[in-house]
Amino acid sequence: MRRIAQVIRVKPEKLGLYLQLHKNPWKAVSEQIERCNIRNYSIYLFGDQLFSYFEYVGEDYDGDMARMATHEETKLWWSLTDPCQQPVEGAREGEWWHEIEEVFHQD
């Protein structure tokens, strides 16, 4: 199992829409997340930053993320959520959600 944490900025003028969308996530999108081996997925808000945490239980992360990106309902969901977001300063070229380094973990 791989623990993954990521950050992205939420546009202040889009925060209400983003929160409303996540109050009732689409079943097809949630099911695709599960099929792509993501478990224990959470998104938190701090100021204008979103922090996500999930556990990846598969064996081909890049392949599963590519499969997620081809799912029609997920692409539609992202067409609504992506305009609410923008990469954080320091994100790598082409990176949307910026993966951050784990510095401590205790079970």
N, C-alpha and C. Protein backbone atom coordinates (compact mmCIF):
# COMPACT_ATOMS: atom_id res chain seq x y z
N MET A 1 0.85 -1.17 0.00
CA MET A 1 0.00 0.00 0.00
C MET A 1 0.89 1.24 0.00
N ARG A 2 0.50 2.20 -0.80
CA ARG A 2 1.24 3.46 -0.92
C ARG A 2 0.34 4.60 -0.44
N ARG A 3 0.83 5.40 0.50
CA ARG A 3 0.09 6.58 0.98
C ARG A 3 0.47 7.77 0.11
N ILE A 4 -0.54 8.52 -0.34
CA ILE A 4 -0.29 9.66 -1.23
C ILE A 4 -1.01 10.88 -0.68
N ALA A 5 -0.27 11.98 -0.58
CA ALA A 5 -0.83 13.27 -0.16
C ALA A 5 -0.53 14.28 -1.26
N GLN A 6 -1.52 15.13 -1.54
CA GLN A 6 -1.38 16.11 -2.61
C GLN A 6 -2.03 17.43 -2.19
N VAL A 7 -1.59 18.52 -2.82
CA VAL A 7 -2.18 19.83 -2.59
C VAL A 7 -2.47 20.52 -3.91
N ILE A 8 -3.46 21.40 -3.87
CA ILE A 8 -3.82 22.26 -4.99
C ILE A 8 -4.53 23.48 -4.42
N ARG A 9 -4.54 24.56 -5.13
CA ARG A 9 -5.28 25.75 -4.69
C ARG A 9 -6.71 25.67 -5.20
N VAL A 10 -7.62 26.21 -4.42
CA VAL A 10 -9.00 26.36 -4.87
C VAL A 10 -9.21 27.86 -5.10
N LYS A 11 -9.83 28.19 -6.21
CA LYS A 11 -10.09 29.60 -6.52
C LYS A 11 -11.18 30.09 -5.58
N PRO A 12 -10.93 31.20 -4.87
CA PRO A 12 -11.92 31.67 -3.88
C PRO A 12 -13.32 31.85 -4.46
N GLU A 13 -13.40 32.34 -5.68
CA GLU A 13 -14.71 32.57 -6.29
C GLU A 13 -15.41 31.27 -6.70
N LYS A 14 -14.69 30.15 -6.67
CA LYS A 14 -15.25 28.85 -7.05
C LYS A 14 -15.41 27.91 -5.84
N LEU A 15 -15.05 28.38 -4.66
CA LEU A 15 -15.08 27.52 -3.48
C LEU A 15 -16.48 26.97 -3.21
N GLY A 16 -17.49 27.79 -3.28
CA GLY A 16 -18.86 27.34 -3.02
C GLY A 16 -19.27 26.21 -3.96
N LEU A 17 -18.98 26.36 -5.23
CA LEU A 17 -19.30 25.32 -6.21
C LEU A 17 -18.53 24.04 -5.89
N TYR A 18 -17.25 24.16 -5.60
CA TYR A 18 -16.43 22.99 -5.30
C TYR A 18 -16.98 22.23 -4.09
N LEU A 19 -17.31 22.95 -3.05
CA LEU A 19 -17.86 22.31 -1.85
C LEU A 19 -19.21 21.66 -2.13
N GLN A 20 -20.04 22.32 -2.90
CA GLN A 20 -21.35 21.77 -3.24
C GLN A 20 -21.22 20.47 -4.03
N LEU A 21 -20.33 20.46 -5.00
CA LEU A 21 -20.11 19.24 -5.78
C LEU A 21 -19.68 18.08 -4.89
N HIS A 22 -18.84 18.35 -3.92
CA HIS A 22 -18.32 17.28 -3.08
C HIS A 22 -19.26 16.86 -1.95
N LYS A 23 -20.34 17.60 -1.76
CA LYS A 23 -21.36 17.15 -0.81
C LYS A 23 -22.10 15.93 -1.34
N ASN A 24 -22.19 15.83 -2.66
CA ASN A 24 -22.89 14.73 -3.31
C ASN A 24 -22.08 14.22 -4.50
N PRO A 25 -20.95 13.57 -4.24
CA PRO A 25 -20.15 13.07 -5.37
C PRO A 25 -20.92 12.04 -6.18
N TRP A 26 -20.64 11.99 -7.46
CA TRP A 26 -21.34 11.08 -8.35
C TRP A 26 -20.94 9.64 -8.07
N LYS A 27 -21.92 8.77 -8.01
CA LYS A 27 -21.68 7.36 -7.72
C LYS A 27 -20.71 6.73 -8.72
N ALA A 28 -20.88 7.04 -10.00
CA ALA A 28 -20.00 6.45 -11.03
C ALA A 28 -18.55 6.87 -10.83
N VAL A 29 -18.33 8.09 -10.38
CA VAL A 29 -16.97 8.57 -10.13
C VAL A 29 -16.39 7.87 -8.90
N SER A 30 -17.17 7.76 -7.85
CA SER A 30 -16.72 7.05 -6.64
C SER A 30 -16.39 5.60 -6.95
N GLU A 31 -17.20 4.97 -7.77
CA GLU A 31 -16.94 3.58 -8.15
C GLU A 31 -15.66 3.45 -8.98
N GLN A 32 -15.41 4.42 -9.85
CA GLN A 32 -14.17 4.39 -10.65
C GLN A 32 -12.95 4.59 -9.77
N ILE A 33 -13.04 5.46 -8.80
CA ILE A 33 -11.95 5.64 -7.84
C ILE A 33 -11.62 4.30 -7.18
N GLU A 34 -12.64 3.60 -6.76
CA GLU A 34 -12.46 2.28 -6.13
C GLU A 34 -11.83 1.29 -7.12
N ARG A 35 -12.34 1.25 -8.36
CA ARG A 35 -11.80 0.32 -9.36
C ARG A 35 -10.33 0.61 -9.67
N CYS A 36 -9.94 1.84 -9.50
CA CYS A 36 -8.54 2.24 -9.77
C CYS A 36 -7.66 2.10 -8.53
N ASN A 37 -8.14 1.32 -7.56
CA ASN A 37 -7.34 0.91 -6.41
C ASN A 37 -7.02 2.03 -5.42
N ILE A 38 -7.90 3.00 -5.33
CA ILE A 38 -7.75 4.07 -4.34
C ILE A 38 -8.69 3.79 -3.18
N ARG A 39 -8.15 3.87 -1.98
CA ARG A 39 -8.92 3.64 -0.76
C ARG A 39 -8.67 4.78 0.21
N ASN A 40 -9.56 4.92 1.17
CA ASN A 40 -9.38 5.88 2.27
C ASN A 40 -9.07 7.29 1.73
N TYR A 41 -9.88 7.74 0.79
CA TYR A 41 -9.65 9.01 0.09
C TYR A 41 -10.36 10.14 0.82
N SER A 42 -9.62 11.19 1.14
CA SER A 42 -10.18 12.37 1.80
C SER A 42 -9.62 13.62 1.15
N ILE A 43 -10.41 14.69 1.17
CA ILE A 43 -9.95 16.01 0.75
C ILE A 43 -10.28 16.98 1.88
N TYR A 44 -9.30 17.79 2.27
CA TYR A 44 -9.45 18.77 3.33
C TYR A 44 -9.23 20.16 2.75
N LEU A 45 -9.79 21.17 3.40
CA LEU A 45 -9.65 22.56 2.99
C LEU A 45 -8.94 23.33 4.09
N PHE A 46 -7.91 24.09 3.71
CA PHE A 46 -7.22 25.00 4.62
C PHE A 46 -6.95 26.28 3.87
N GLY A 47 -7.64 27.36 4.24
CA GLY A 47 -7.50 28.62 3.51
C GLY A 47 -7.92 28.43 2.07
N ASP A 48 -7.01 28.69 1.15
CA ASP A 48 -7.31 28.49 -0.27
C ASP A 48 -6.63 27.24 -0.82
N GLN A 49 -6.26 26.33 0.07
CA GLN A 49 -5.61 25.10 -0.40
C GLN A 49 -6.44 23.87 -0.05
N LEU A 50 -6.47 22.96 -1.00
CA LEU A 50 -7.08 21.66 -0.79
C LEU A 50 -5.95 20.66 -0.57
N PHE A 51 -6.13 19.81 0.40
CA PHE A 51 -5.17 18.76 0.72
C PHE A 51 -5.88 17.43 0.56
N SER A 52 -5.33 16.54 -0.23
CA SER A 52 -5.94 15.22 -0.39
C SER A 52 -5.01 14.15 0.16
N TYR A 53 -5.63 13.10 0.66
CA TYR A 53 -4.89 11.94 1.16
C TYR A 53 -5.64 10.70 0.68
N PHE A 54 -4.90 9.74 0.15
CA PHE A 54 -5.49 8.46 -0.17
C PHE A 54 -4.44 7.37 -0.11
N GLU A 55 -4.93 6.15 -0.09
CA GLU A 55 -4.06 4.98 -0.07
C GLU A 55 -4.26 4.23 -1.37
N TYR A 56 -3.15 3.98 -2.05
CA TYR A 56 -3.19 3.25 -3.30
C TYR A 56 -2.81 1.80 -3.02
N VAL A 57 -3.70 0.87 -3.37
CA VAL A 57 -3.50 -0.54 -3.05
C VAL A 57 -3.21 -1.40 -4.29
N GLY A 58 -3.07 -0.79 -5.43
CA GLY A 58 -2.80 -1.54 -6.66
C GLY A 58 -1.32 -1.76 -6.88
N GLU A 59 -1.00 -2.21 -8.09
CA GLU A 59 0.39 -2.49 -8.43
C GLU A 59 0.89 -1.68 -9.62
N ASP A 60 0.00 -0.88 -10.24
CA ASP A 60 0.38 -0.07 -11.40
C ASP A 60 -0.30 1.29 -11.27
N TYR A 61 0.28 2.15 -10.44
CA TYR A 61 -0.31 3.45 -10.16
C TYR A 61 -0.51 4.27 -11.44
N ASP A 62 0.53 4.37 -12.24
CA ASP A 62 0.42 5.17 -13.48
C ASP A 62 -0.65 4.60 -14.40
N GLY A 63 -0.72 3.29 -14.52
CA GLY A 63 -1.74 2.66 -15.35
C GLY A 63 -3.14 2.90 -14.81
N ASP A 64 -3.31 2.79 -13.50
CA ASP A 64 -4.63 3.04 -12.91
C ASP A 64 -5.04 4.50 -13.07
N MET A 65 -4.09 5.42 -12.94
CA MET A 65 -4.43 6.84 -13.11
C MET A 65 -4.77 7.14 -14.57
N ALA A 66 -4.09 6.48 -15.51
CA ALA A 66 -4.42 6.63 -16.93
C ALA A 66 -5.82 6.08 -17.20
N ARG A 67 -6.15 4.95 -16.59
CA ARG A 67 -7.49 4.36 -16.75
C ARG A 67 -8.55 5.29 -16.16
N MET A 68 -8.25 5.90 -15.02
CA MET A 68 -9.19 6.86 -14.42
C MET A 68 -9.45 8.02 -15.39
N ALA A 69 -8.40 8.49 -16.05
CA ALA A 69 -8.52 9.64 -16.94
C ALA A 69 -9.30 9.36 -18.22
N THR A 70 -9.55 8.09 -18.53
CA THR A 70 -10.34 7.77 -19.72
C THR A 70 -11.81 7.50 -19.40
N HIS A 71 -12.16 7.46 -18.13
CA HIS A 71 -13.53 7.17 -17.70
C HIS A 71 -14.43 8.38 -17.98
N GLU A 72 -15.46 8.18 -18.75
CA GLU A 72 -16.28 9.30 -19.24
C GLU A 72 -16.91 10.13 -18.11
N GLU A 73 -17.51 9.49 -17.11
CA GLU A 73 -18.14 10.23 -16.02
C GLU A 73 -17.10 11.01 -15.22
N THR A 74 -15.92 10.40 -15.04
CA THR A 74 -14.86 11.10 -14.32
C THR A 74 -14.38 12.31 -15.10
N LYS A 75 -14.25 12.17 -16.42
CA LYS A 75 -13.86 13.32 -17.24
C LYS A 75 -14.89 14.44 -17.14
N LEU A 76 -16.16 14.09 -17.10
CA LEU A 76 -17.21 15.10 -16.94
C LEU A 76 -17.11 15.76 -15.56
N TRP A 77 -16.90 14.95 -14.53
CA TRP A 77 -16.73 15.48 -13.16
C TRP A 77 -15.56 16.47 -13.13
N TRP A 78 -14.45 16.06 -13.72
CA TRP A 78 -13.28 16.94 -13.75
C TRP A 78 -13.55 18.22 -14.54
N SER A 79 -14.42 18.15 -15.54
CA SER A 79 -14.75 19.37 -16.30
C SER A 79 -15.46 20.39 -15.41
N LEU A 80 -16.07 19.93 -14.32
CA LEU A 80 -16.72 20.82 -13.36
C LEU A 80 -15.77 21.24 -12.24
N THR A 81 -14.93 20.30 -11.77
CA THR A 81 -14.06 20.62 -10.64
C THR A 81 -12.77 21.32 -11.05
N ASP A 82 -12.21 20.98 -12.20
CA ASP A 82 -10.93 21.58 -12.61
C ASP A 82 -10.98 23.11 -12.70
N PRO A 83 -12.05 23.72 -13.21
CA PRO A 83 -12.08 25.18 -13.25
C PRO A 83 -12.10 25.83 -11.86
N CYS A 84 -12.33 25.04 -10.84
CA CYS A 84 -12.34 25.55 -9.46
C CYS A 84 -10.92 25.57 -8.87
N GLN A 85 -9.98 24.97 -9.55
CA GLN A 85 -8.65 24.73 -8.98
C GLN A 85 -7.56 25.38 -9.82
N GLN A 86 -6.39 25.53 -9.18
CA GLN A 86 -5.18 25.90 -9.91
C GLN A 86 -3.99 25.34 -9.15
N PRO A 87 -2.96 24.93 -9.86
CA PRO A 87 -1.80 24.33 -9.20
C PRO A 87 -1.17 25.28 -8.19
N VAL A 88 -0.57 24.69 -7.18
CA VAL A 88 0.15 25.48 -6.17
C VAL A 88 1.47 25.94 -6.74
N GLU A 89 2.01 27.01 -6.16
CA GLU A 89 3.35 27.45 -6.51
C GLU A 89 4.32 26.33 -6.18
N GLY A 90 5.21 26.06 -7.07
CA GLY A 90 6.18 24.98 -6.86
C GLY A 90 5.79 23.67 -7.50
N ALA A 91 4.59 23.60 -8.07
CA ALA A 91 4.18 22.38 -8.78
C ALA A 91 5.06 22.20 -10.01
N ARG A 92 5.32 20.95 -10.34
CA ARG A 92 6.12 20.66 -11.53
C ARG A 92 5.33 20.99 -12.80
N GLU A 93 6.03 21.22 -13.87
CA GLU A 93 5.41 21.53 -15.17
C GLU A 93 4.40 20.44 -15.53
N GLY A 94 3.16 20.84 -15.81
CA GLY A 94 2.12 19.91 -16.20
C GLY A 94 1.43 19.20 -15.04
N GLU A 95 1.88 19.44 -13.83
CA GLU A 95 1.30 18.78 -12.65
C GLU A 95 0.08 19.57 -12.18
N TRP A 96 -1.01 18.89 -11.91
CA TRP A 96 -2.24 19.53 -11.42
C TRP A 96 -2.23 19.49 -9.90
N TRP A 97 -2.60 18.37 -9.31
CA TRP A 97 -2.45 18.17 -7.87
C TRP A 97 -0.98 17.87 -7.63
N HIS A 98 -0.34 18.61 -6.74
CA HIS A 98 1.08 18.45 -6.44
C HIS A 98 1.26 17.43 -5.32
N GLU A 99 1.96 16.34 -5.64
CA GLU A 99 2.22 15.31 -4.63
C GLU A 99 3.27 15.82 -3.65
N ILE A 100 2.97 15.65 -2.36
CA ILE A 100 3.89 16.15 -1.34
C ILE A 100 4.54 14.98 -0.60
N GLU A 101 5.71 15.25 -0.06
CA GLU A 101 6.52 14.23 0.58
C GLU A 101 6.02 13.91 1.99
N GLU A 102 5.97 12.65 2.28
CA GLU A 102 5.65 12.22 3.64
C GLU A 102 6.93 12.32 4.47
N VAL A 103 6.83 12.97 5.61
CA VAL A 103 8.01 13.10 6.47
C VAL A 103 7.86 12.32 7.78
N PHE A 104 6.65 11.88 8.09
CA PHE A 104 6.43 11.08 9.30
C PHE A 104 5.15 10.29 9.16
N HIS A 105 5.17 9.08 9.67
CA HIS A 105 3.96 8.26 9.73
C HIS A 105 4.06 7.34 10.92
N GLN A 106 2.94 7.18 11.62
CA GLN A 106 2.87 6.23 12.72
C GLN A 106 1.53 5.51 12.66
N ASP A 107 1.56 4.21 12.66
CA ASP A 107 0.32 3.42 12.71
C ASP A 107 -0.13 3.29 14.15
